[in-house]
Amino acid sequence: MSYAVVFTNTAQRDLSRLQSSIMDRVEPIILSLEETPRPQGVKKLQGYKEFYRIRIGDHRIIYQINDAANHVVISRIVHRRDAYR
């Protein structure tokens, strides 16, 4: 079952600000979320019902999974110092 990956406006802005070297590492992971929304190494965020994070070096992809609608909503793509504020 394939999921649709959707970006919030904030995530689109975060994505446009990434350096190309980081973007090269982030892009394949985002594309893989279409097939596997809970890949190996994903962590569920404590205190949030449906938020998950993927660690990519010092950056984090924060996202939600809506199994009923087959959507993965990417909320943020930020450096770890800004990810949990």
C-alpha atoms as a PDB file:
ATOM      1  CA  MET A   1       0.000   0.000   0.000  1.00  0.00           C
ATOM      2  CA  SER A   2       1.475   3.328  -1.043  1.00  0.00           C
ATOM      3  CA  TYR A   3       1.259   6.506   1.007  1.00  0.00           C
ATOM      4  CA  ALA A   4       1.127  10.053  -0.352  1.00  0.00           C
ATOM      5  CA  VAL A   5       3.801  12.348   1.053  1.00  0.00           C
ATOM      6  CA  VAL A   6       2.491  15.855   1.759  1.00  0.00           C
ATOM      7  CA  PHE A   7       4.523  18.840   2.973  1.00  0.00           C
ATOM      8  CA  THR A   8       3.271  21.603   5.240  1.00  0.00           C
ATOM      9  CA  ASN A   9       4.197  25.159   4.249  1.00  0.00           C
ATOM     10  CA  THR A  10       6.782  25.191   7.029  1.00  0.00           C
ATOM     11  CA  ALA A  11       8.340  21.968   5.773  1.00  0.00           C
ATOM     12  CA  GLN A  12       8.508  23.335   2.222  1.00  0.00           C
ATOM     13  CA  ARG A  13      10.324  26.403   3.534  1.00  0.00           C
ATOM     14  CA  ASP A  14      12.677  24.187   5.585  1.00  0.00           C
ATOM     15  CA  LEU A  15      13.390  22.059   2.515  1.00  0.00           C
ATOM     16  CA  SER A  16      14.231  25.075   0.356  1.00  0.00           C
ATOM     17  CA  ARG A  17      16.748  26.298   2.967  1.00  0.00           C
ATOM     18  CA  LEU A  18      18.725  23.050   3.189  1.00  0.00           C
ATOM     19  CA  GLN A  19      22.245  22.878   1.833  1.00  0.00           C
ATOM     20  CA  SER A  20      22.642  20.668  -1.222  1.00  0.00           C
ATOM     21  CA  SER A  21      24.792  18.128   0.661  1.00  0.00           C
ATOM     22  CA  ILE A  22      22.049  17.656   3.258  1.00  0.00           C
ATOM     23  CA  MET A  23      19.345  17.649   0.589  1.00  0.00           C
ATOM     24  CA  ASP A  24      21.106  14.727  -1.135  1.00  0.00           C
ATOM     25  CA  ARG A  25      20.709  12.708   2.085  1.00  0.00           C
ATOM     26  CA  VAL A  26      17.142  13.848   2.897  1.00  0.00           C
ATOM     27  CA  GLU A  27      15.511  13.355  -0.508  1.00  0.00           C
ATOM     28  CA  PRO A  28      15.824   9.539  -0.763  1.00  0.00           C
ATOM     29  CA  ILE A  29      14.507   9.123   2.769  1.00  0.00           C
ATOM     30  CA  ILE A  30      11.452  11.257   2.034  1.00  0.00           C
ATOM     31  CA  LEU A  31      10.790   9.262  -1.148  1.00  0.00           C
ATOM     32  CA  SER A  32      11.072   5.993   0.801  1.00  0.00           C
ATOM     33  CA  LEU A  33       8.292   7.143   3.159  1.00  0.00           C
ATOM     34  CA  GLU A  34       5.811   6.531   0.329  1.00  0.00           C
ATOM     35  CA  GLU A  35       6.369   2.780   0.644  1.00  0.00           C
ATOM     36  CA  THR A  36       7.473   2.455   4.269  1.00  0.00           C
ATOM     37  CA  PRO A  37       6.149   5.229   6.558  1.00  0.00           C
ATOM     38  CA  ARG A  38       7.735   3.573   9.613  1.00  0.00           C
ATOM     39  CA  PRO A  39      11.246   2.629   8.432  1.00  0.00           C
ATOM     40  CA  GLN A  40      13.902   1.116  10.630  1.00  0.00           C
ATOM     41  CA  GLY A  41      15.315   3.748  12.997  1.00  0.00           C
ATOM     42  CA  VAL A  42      12.180   5.892  13.155  1.00  0.00           C
ATOM     43  CA  LYS A  43      11.195   7.090  16.642  1.00  0.00           C
ATOM     44  CA  LYS A  44       7.750   8.040  17.890  1.00  0.00           C
ATOM     45  CA  LEU A  45       7.861  11.408  19.633  1.00  0.00           C
ATOM     46  CA  GLN A  46       6.836  11.274  23.269  1.00  0.00           C
ATOM     47  CA  GLY A  47       3.849  13.395  24.187  1.00  0.00           C
ATOM     48  CA  TYR A  48       2.458  13.415  20.636  1.00  0.00           C
ATOM     49  CA  LYS A  49      -0.101  10.952  19.385  1.00  0.00           C
ATOM     50  CA  GLU A  50       1.030  10.481  15.793  1.00  0.00           C
ATOM     51  CA  PHE A  51       4.342  12.335  15.344  1.00  0.00           C
ATOM     52  CA  TYR A  52       7.505  10.522  14.333  1.00  0.00           C
ATOM     53  CA  ARG A  53      11.055  11.586  13.629  1.00  0.00           C
ATOM     54  CA  ILE A  54      13.852  10.323  11.439  1.00  0.00           C
ATOM     55  CA  ARG A  55      17.417  11.253  12.279  1.00  0.00           C
ATOM     56  CA  ILE A  56      19.735  12.223   9.422  1.00  0.00           C
ATOM     57  CA  GLY A  57      23.013  13.261  11.002  1.00  0.00           C
ATOM     58  CA  ASP A  58      22.286  16.502  12.857  1.00  0.00           C
ATOM     59  CA  HIS A  59      18.981  17.051  11.038  1.00  0.00           C
ATOM     60  CA  ARG A  60      15.541  15.665  11.807  1.00  0.00           C
ATOM     61  CA  ILE A  61      12.473  14.983   9.682  1.00  0.00           C
ATOM     62  CA  ILE A  62       9.377  15.401  11.864  1.00  0.00           C
ATOM     63  CA  TYR A  63       6.207  13.931  10.376  1.00  0.00           C
ATOM     64  CA  GLN A  64       2.758  12.480  11.024  1.00  0.00           C
ATOM     65  CA  ILE A  65       1.243   9.317   9.633  1.00  0.00           C
ATOM     66  CA  ASN A  66      -2.449   9.154   8.786  1.00  0.00           C
ATOM     67  CA  ASP A  67      -3.104   5.466   8.116  1.00  0.00           C
ATOM     68  CA  ALA A  68      -6.795   6.002   7.374  1.00  0.00           C
ATOM     69  CA  ALA A  69      -6.067   8.381   4.492  1.00  0.00           C
ATOM     70  CA  ASN A  70      -2.681   6.850   3.516  1.00  0.00           C
ATOM     71  CA  HIS A  71      -0.899  10.173   4.017  1.00  0.00           C
ATOM     72  CA  VAL A  72       2.489  11.050   5.459  1.00  0.00           C
ATOM     73  CA  VAL A  73       2.512  14.738   6.408  1.00  0.00           C
ATOM     74  CA  ILE A  74       6.012  16.183   6.759  1.00  0.00           C
ATOM     75  CA  SER A  75       5.893  18.973   9.341  1.00  0.00           C
ATOM     76  CA  ARG A  76       9.529  20.043   9.738  1.00  0.00           C
ATOM     77  CA  ILE A  77      12.999  19.321   8.345  1.00  0.00           C
ATOM     78  CA  VAL A  78      15.373  21.072  10.718  1.00  0.00           C
ATOM     79  CA  HIS A  79      18.634  20.915  12.612  1.00  0.00           C
ATOM     80  CA  ARG A  80      18.330  19.005  15.871  1.00  0.00           C
ATOM     81  CA  ARG A  81      18.797  22.147  18.001  1.00  0.00           C
ATOM     82  CA  ASP A  82      15.530  23.530  16.526  1.00  0.00           C
ATOM     83  CA  ALA A  83      13.560  20.319  16.094  1.00  0.00           C
ATOM     84  CA  TYR A  84      11.887  19.985  19.480  1.00  0.00           C
ATOM     85  CA  ARG A  85      10.917  23.563  20.276  1.00  0.00           C
END
